[in-house]
């Protein structure tokens, strides 16, 4: 039978490993924003698992190389961008699998107006080749609109205002959760 000291050491090692994993997942999120903003294809590639999926406004993209190609194509439509992660929750599903939610903002230049987006990423993570990577990344938005409209229009239903597209309702928060807007 295991001694109390051996059990304590094993428990401590598992807890330290879990803390290291959380830290590495936090670094994954921080690195994501920087390398996307830098348009660094090689660094973006390292963040995604070989069989990853990215579910975004542009559709569902599967496979690391297709995900990288999507990023480069989509980002080529924008000038400078700045992705800012805010919070990350993580739940572990085993030694090498986890899932979580990340909240973030992105500031983007798209033609004339400065453009702001509030994001929520629903992530699945996998340890591949000894490091944590995105297995699935699904993005939802609270709003996407020119900065000059944000102060007056954030409370409207049609908060998705991507350039060259029709205004649309945002998926966040869930339908009916917002207090109706008062008319002036």
C-alpha atoms as a PDB file:
ATOM      1  CA  UNK A   1       0.000   0.000   0.000  1.00  0.00           C
ATOM      2  CA  UNK A   2       1.028   3.608  -0.635  1.00  0.00           C
ATOM      3  CA  UNK A   3       2.242   5.599   2.324  1.00  0.00           C
ATOM      4  CA  UNK A   4       0.632   8.914   3.211  1.00  0.00           C
ATOM      5  CA  UNK A   5       3.807  10.692   2.068  1.00  0.00           C
ATOM      6  CA  UNK A   6       3.767   8.943  -1.314  1.00  0.00           C
ATOM      7  CA  UNK A   7       0.074   9.767  -1.789  1.00  0.00           C
ATOM      8  CA  UNK A   8       0.731  13.390  -0.805  1.00  0.00           C
ATOM      9  CA  UNK A   9       3.665  13.632  -3.247  1.00  0.00           C
ATOM     10  CA  UNK A  10       1.601  12.173  -6.093  1.00  0.00           C
ATOM     11  CA  UNK A  11      -1.291  14.524  -5.305  1.00  0.00           C
ATOM     12  CA  UNK A  12       1.062  17.509  -5.172  1.00  0.00           C
ATOM     13  CA  UNK A  13       2.680  16.543  -8.481  1.00  0.00           C
ATOM     14  CA  UNK A  14      -0.758  16.221 -10.135  1.00  0.00           C
ATOM     15  CA  UNK A  15      -1.815  19.623  -8.774  1.00  0.00           C
ATOM     16  CA  UNK A  16       1.403  21.272  -9.981  1.00  0.00           C
ATOM     17  CA  UNK A  17       0.945  19.664 -13.407  1.00  0.00           C
ATOM     18  CA  UNK A  18      -2.627  21.014 -13.585  1.00  0.00           C
ATOM     19  CA  UNK A  19      -1.378  24.527 -12.717  1.00  0.00           C
ATOM     20  CA  UNK A  20       1.304  24.260 -15.402  1.00  0.00           C
ATOM     21  CA  UNK A  21      -1.362  23.157 -17.892  1.00  0.00           C
ATOM     22  CA  UNK A  22      -3.590  26.116 -16.995  1.00  0.00           C
ATOM     23  CA  UNK A  23      -0.645  28.478 -17.421  1.00  0.00           C
ATOM     24  CA  UNK A  24       0.199  27.005 -20.818  1.00  0.00           C
ATOM     25  CA  UNK A  25      -3.448  27.333 -21.906  1.00  0.00           C
ATOM     26  CA  UNK A  26      -3.388  30.971 -20.792  1.00  0.00           C
ATOM     27  CA  UNK A  27      -0.231  31.503 -22.867  1.00  0.00           C
ATOM     28  CA  UNK A  28      -1.971  29.862 -25.841  1.00  0.00           C
ATOM     29  CA  UNK A  29      -4.733  32.477 -25.627  1.00  0.00           C
ATOM     30  CA  UNK A  30      -2.320  35.397 -25.239  1.00  0.00           C
ATOM     31  CA  UNK A  31      -0.148  34.162 -28.101  1.00  0.00           C
ATOM     32  CA  UNK A  32      -3.195  33.750 -30.346  1.00  0.00           C
ATOM     33  CA  UNK A  33      -4.009  37.464 -30.323  1.00  0.00           C
ATOM     34  CA  UNK A  34      -0.443  38.539 -30.974  1.00  0.00           C
ATOM     35  CA  UNK A  35       0.285  36.169 -33.864  1.00  0.00           C
ATOM     36  CA  UNK A  36      -3.075  36.794 -35.528  1.00  0.00           C
ATOM     37  CA  UNK A  37      -2.419  40.541 -35.366  1.00  0.00           C
ATOM     38  CA  UNK A  38       1.091  39.970 -36.750  1.00  0.00           C
ATOM     39  CA  UNK A  39      -0.307  37.766 -39.569  1.00  0.00           C
ATOM     40  CA  UNK A  40       2.357  35.206 -38.656  1.00  0.00           C
ATOM     41  CA  UNK A  41       1.254  32.078 -40.550  1.00  0.00           C
ATOM     42  CA  UNK A  42       3.898  29.806 -39.009  1.00  0.00           C
ATOM     43  CA  UNK A  43       3.003  30.865 -35.474  1.00  0.00           C
ATOM     44  CA  UNK A  44      -0.760  30.526 -36.148  1.00  0.00           C
ATOM     45  CA  UNK A  45      -0.090  27.019 -37.492  1.00  0.00           C
ATOM     46  CA  UNK A  46       1.617  26.033 -34.212  1.00  0.00           C
ATOM     47  CA  UNK A  47      -1.473  26.999 -32.198  1.00  0.00           C
ATOM     48  CA  UNK A  48      -3.849  24.563 -33.925  1.00  0.00           C
ATOM     49  CA  UNK A  49      -3.967  20.770 -33.806  1.00  0.00           C
ATOM     50  CA  UNK A  50      -3.441  18.929 -37.091  1.00  0.00           C
ATOM     51  CA  UNK A  51      -7.150  18.008 -37.268  1.00  0.00           C
ATOM     52  CA  UNK A  52      -8.463  21.244 -35.773  1.00  0.00           C
ATOM     53  CA  UNK A  53     -11.739  22.969 -36.595  1.00  0.00           C
ATOM     54  CA  UNK A  54     -12.426  26.705 -36.617  1.00  0.00           C
ATOM     55  CA  UNK A  55     -16.108  27.677 -36.625  1.00  0.00           C
ATOM     56  CA  UNK A  56     -16.447  31.363 -37.439  1.00  0.00           C
ATOM     57  CA  UNK A  57     -18.533  33.945 -39.281  1.00  0.00           C
ATOM     58  CA  UNK A  58     -16.936  32.671 -42.503  1.00  0.00           C
ATOM     59  CA  UNK A  59     -18.125  29.091 -41.941  1.00  0.00           C
ATOM     60  CA  UNK A  60     -16.568  25.924 -40.534  1.00  0.00           C
ATOM     61  CA  UNK A  61     -12.955  25.310 -41.532  1.00  0.00           C
ATOM     62  CA  UNK A  62     -11.348  21.932 -40.802  1.00  0.00           C
ATOM     63  CA  UNK A  63      -7.668  21.013 -40.798  1.00  0.00           C
ATOM     64  CA  UNK A  64      -4.689  23.059 -39.662  1.00  0.00           C
ATOM     65  CA  UNK A  65      -3.580  24.204 -43.114  1.00  0.00           C
ATOM     66  CA  UNK A  66      -7.088  25.275 -44.123  1.00  0.00           C
ATOM     67  CA  UNK A  67      -7.479  27.157 -40.826  1.00  0.00           C
ATOM     68  CA  UNK A  68      -4.213  29.036 -41.446  1.00  0.00           C
ATOM     69  CA  UNK A  69      -5.247  29.820 -45.032  1.00  0.00           C
ATOM     70  CA  UNK A  70      -8.596  31.141 -43.766  1.00  0.00           C
ATOM     71  CA  UNK A  71      -6.883  33.451 -41.281  1.00  0.00           C
ATOM     72  CA  UNK A  72      -4.498  34.837 -43.871  1.00  0.00           C
ATOM     73  CA  UNK A  73      -7.284  35.399 -46.408  1.00  0.00           C
ATOM     74  CA  UNK A  74      -9.677  36.988 -43.899  1.00  0.00           C
ATOM     75  CA  UNK A  75      -7.022  39.182 -42.298  1.00  0.00           C
ATOM     76  CA  UNK A  76      -5.845  40.426 -45.694  1.00  0.00           C
ATOM     77  CA  UNK A  77      -9.161  42.319 -45.879  1.00  0.00           C
ATOM     78  CA  UNK A  78      -8.214  44.393 -42.812  1.00  0.00           C
ATOM     79  CA  UNK A  79      -5.566  46.908 -41.937  1.00  0.00           C
ATOM     80  CA  UNK A  80      -4.108  46.788 -38.432  1.00  0.00           C
ATOM     81  CA  UNK A  81      -5.893  44.705 -35.802  1.00  0.00           C
ATOM     82  CA  UNK A  82      -5.509  44.226 -32.065  1.00  0.00           C
ATOM     83  CA  UNK A  83      -7.043  41.164 -30.374  1.00  0.00           C
ATOM     84  CA  UNK A  84      -7.389  41.539 -26.604  1.00  0.00           C
ATOM     85  CA  UNK A  85      -8.248  38.479 -24.484  1.00  0.00           C
ATOM     86  CA  UNK A  86     -10.088  39.243 -21.248  1.00  0.00           C
ATOM     87  CA  UNK A  87     -11.027  36.067 -19.392  1.00  0.00           C
ATOM     88  CA  UNK A  88     -10.574  32.339 -19.799  1.00  0.00           C
ATOM     89  CA  UNK A  89     -12.333  29.518 -18.003  1.00  0.00           C
ATOM     90  CA  UNK A  90     -10.950  25.999 -18.344  1.00  0.00           C
ATOM     91  CA  UNK A  91     -12.260  22.554 -17.436  1.00  0.00           C
ATOM     92  CA  UNK A  92     -10.084  19.498 -17.897  1.00  0.00           C
ATOM     93  CA  UNK A  93     -11.513  16.431 -19.609  1.00  0.00           C
ATOM     94  CA  UNK A  94      -8.438  14.267 -19.016  1.00  0.00           C
ATOM     95  CA  UNK A  95      -4.664  14.552 -18.996  1.00  0.00           C
ATOM     96  CA  UNK A  96      -4.478  15.830 -22.570  1.00  0.00           C
ATOM     97  CA  UNK A  97      -7.910  17.350 -23.226  1.00  0.00           C
ATOM     98  CA  UNK A  98      -9.734  20.407 -21.915  1.00  0.00           C
ATOM     99  CA  UNK A  99     -12.406  22.865 -22.911  1.00  0.00           C
ATOM    100  CA  UNK A 100     -13.128  26.452 -22.013  1.00  0.00           C
ATOM    101  CA  UNK A 101     -14.553  29.836 -22.897  1.00  0.00           C
ATOM    102  CA  UNK A 102     -12.544  32.963 -23.690  1.00  0.00           C
ATOM    103  CA  UNK A 103     -13.976  36.469 -23.785  1.00  0.00           C
ATOM    104  CA  UNK A 104     -12.176  39.036 -25.928  1.00  0.00           C
ATOM    105  CA  UNK A 105     -12.345  42.200 -27.986  1.00  0.00           C
ATOM    106  CA  UNK A 106     -10.779  42.973 -31.314  1.00  0.00           C
ATOM    107  CA  UNK A 107     -10.038  46.412 -32.678  1.00  0.00           C
ATOM    108  CA  UNK A 108      -9.774  46.388 -36.456  1.00  0.00           C
ATOM    109  CA  UNK A 109      -9.265  48.839 -39.245  1.00  0.00           C
ATOM    110  CA  UNK A 110     -11.446  48.097 -42.209  1.00  0.00           C
ATOM    111  CA  UNK A 111     -11.450  50.930 -44.676  1.00  0.00           C
ATOM    112  CA  UNK A 112     -12.320  54.269 -43.084  1.00  0.00           C
ATOM    113  CA  UNK A 113     -14.008  53.490 -39.769  1.00  0.00           C
ATOM    114  CA  UNK A 114     -12.317  51.894 -36.780  1.00  0.00           C
ATOM    115  CA  UNK A 115     -14.178  48.632 -36.198  1.00  0.00           C
ATOM    116  CA  UNK A 116     -14.754  46.910 -32.844  1.00  0.00           C
ATOM    117  CA  UNK A 117     -15.856  43.361 -32.110  1.00  0.00           C
ATOM    118  CA  UNK A 118     -16.782  41.720 -28.787  1.00  0.00           C
ATOM    119  CA  UNK A 119     -16.066  37.989 -28.969  1.00  0.00           C
ATOM    120  CA  UNK A 120     -16.681  34.798 -27.063  1.00  0.00           C
ATOM    121  CA  UNK A 121     -14.618  31.772 -28.095  1.00  0.00           C
ATOM    122  CA  UNK A 122     -15.814  28.288 -27.172  1.00  0.00           C
ATOM    123  CA  UNK A 123     -12.649  26.219 -27.242  1.00  0.00           C
ATOM    124  CA  UNK A 124     -11.619  22.593 -27.048  1.00  0.00           C
ATOM    125  CA  UNK A 125      -7.930  22.047 -26.332  1.00  0.00           C
ATOM    126  CA  UNK A 126      -5.726  19.029 -26.909  1.00  0.00           C
ATOM    127  CA  UNK A 127      -2.133  18.313 -25.956  1.00  0.00           C
ATOM    128  CA  UNK A 128      -0.401  17.391 -29.203  1.00  0.00           C
ATOM    129  CA  UNK A 129       3.348  16.823 -29.556  1.00  0.00           C
ATOM    130  CA  UNK A 130       3.796  17.852 -25.927  1.00  0.00           C
ATOM    131  CA  UNK A 131       2.012  21.222 -26.122  1.00  0.00           C
ATOM    132  CA  UNK A 132      -1.536  22.500 -25.809  1.00  0.00           C
ATOM    133  CA  UNK A 133      -3.259  23.501 -29.039  1.00  0.00           C
ATOM    134  CA  UNK A 134      -6.730  24.424 -30.244  1.00  0.00           C
ATOM    135  CA  UNK A 135      -8.692  21.351 -31.288  1.00  0.00           C
ATOM    136  CA  UNK A 136     -11.927  23.305 -31.848  1.00  0.00           C
ATOM    137  CA  UNK A 137     -12.399  27.074 -31.767  1.00  0.00           C
ATOM    138  CA  UNK A 138     -15.948  28.375 -32.220  1.00  0.00           C
ATOM    139  CA  UNK A 139     -16.510  32.119 -32.113  1.00  0.00           C
ATOM    140  CA  UNK A 140     -19.638  34.082 -31.292  1.00  0.00           C
ATOM    141  CA  UNK A 141     -20.092  37.844 -31.163  1.00  0.00           C
ATOM    142  CA  UNK A 142     -21.919  40.273 -28.927  1.00  0.00           C
ATOM    143  CA  UNK A 143     -21.372  43.041 -31.454  1.00  0.00           C
ATOM    144  CA  UNK A 144     -19.322  43.952 -34.503  1.00  0.00           C
ATOM    145  CA  UNK A 145     -19.612  47.553 -35.642  1.00  0.00           C
ATOM    146  CA  UNK A 146     -17.744  50.752 -36.371  1.00  0.00           C
ATOM    147  CA  UNK A 147     -16.491  52.357 -33.173  1.00  0.00           C
ATOM    148  CA  UNK A 148     -18.372  55.593 -33.868  1.00  0.00           C
ATOM    149  CA  UNK A 149     -21.680  53.644 -33.730  1.00  0.00           C
ATOM    150  CA  UNK A 150     -20.895  51.610 -30.620  1.00  0.00           C
ATOM    151  CA  UNK A 151     -21.931  54.128 -27.954  1.00  0.00           C
ATOM    152  CA  UNK A 152     -25.396  54.678 -29.407  1.00  0.00           C
ATOM    153  CA  UNK A 153     -26.068  51.298 -31.020  1.00  0.00           C
ATOM    154  CA  UNK A 154     -24.698  48.603 -28.706  1.00  0.00           C
ATOM    155  CA  UNK A 155     -28.163  47.970 -27.276  1.00  0.00           C
ATOM    156  CA  UNK A 156     -29.854  47.367 -30.618  1.00  0.00           C
ATOM    157  CA  UNK A 157     -30.810  43.938 -31.952  1.00  0.00           C
ATOM    158  CA  UNK A 158     -28.824  44.340 -35.194  1.00  0.00           C
ATOM    159  CA  UNK A 159     -25.365  44.608 -33.637  1.00  0.00           C
ATOM    160  CA  UNK A 160     -23.532  42.664 -36.346  1.00  0.00           C
ATOM    161  CA  UNK A 161     -22.526  45.246 -38.925  1.00  0.00           C
ATOM    162  CA  UNK A 162     -19.664  43.750 -40.848  1.00  0.00           C
ATOM    163  CA  UNK A 163     -18.617  45.934 -43.771  1.00  0.00           C
ATOM    164  CA  UNK A 164     -20.297  45.047 -47.065  1.00  0.00           C
ATOM    165  CA  UNK A 165     -22.888  42.840 -45.316  1.00  0.00           C
ATOM    166  CA  UNK A 166     -26.462  43.378 -44.156  1.00  0.00           C
ATOM    167  CA  UNK A 167     -26.994  44.207 -40.497  1.00  0.00           C
ATOM    168  CA  UNK A 168     -27.851  41.118 -38.476  1.00  0.00           C
ATOM    169  CA  UNK A 169     -28.801  40.105 -34.962  1.00  0.00           C
ATOM    170  CA  UNK A 170     -25.914  38.999 -32.759  1.00  0.00           C
ATOM    171  CA  UNK A 171     -25.989  35.511 -31.191  1.00  0.00           C
ATOM    172  CA  UNK A 172     -25.014  36.914 -27.767  1.00  0.00           C
ATOM    173  CA  UNK A 173     -26.699  37.245 -25.428  1.00  0.00           C
ATOM    174  CA  UNK A 174     -29.384  34.670 -26.208  1.00  0.00           C
ATOM    175  CA  UNK A 175     -32.535  35.990 -27.858  1.00  0.00           C
ATOM    176  CA  UNK A 176     -34.885  37.682 -25.406  1.00  0.00           C
ATOM    177  CA  UNK A 177     -32.207  38.225 -22.738  1.00  0.00           C
ATOM    178  CA  UNK A 178     -31.739  41.943 -23.455  1.00  0.00           C
ATOM    179  CA  UNK A 179     -33.924  44.583 -21.898  1.00  0.00           C
ATOM    180  CA  UNK A 180     -35.862  46.358 -24.668  1.00  0.00           C
ATOM    181  CA  UNK A 181     -34.230  49.598 -25.770  1.00  0.00           C
ATOM    182  CA  UNK A 182     -36.004  52.791 -24.743  1.00  0.00           C
ATOM    183  CA  UNK A 183     -36.862  55.077 -27.607  1.00  0.00           C
ATOM    184  CA  UNK A 184     -35.644  58.659 -27.277  1.00  0.00           C
END
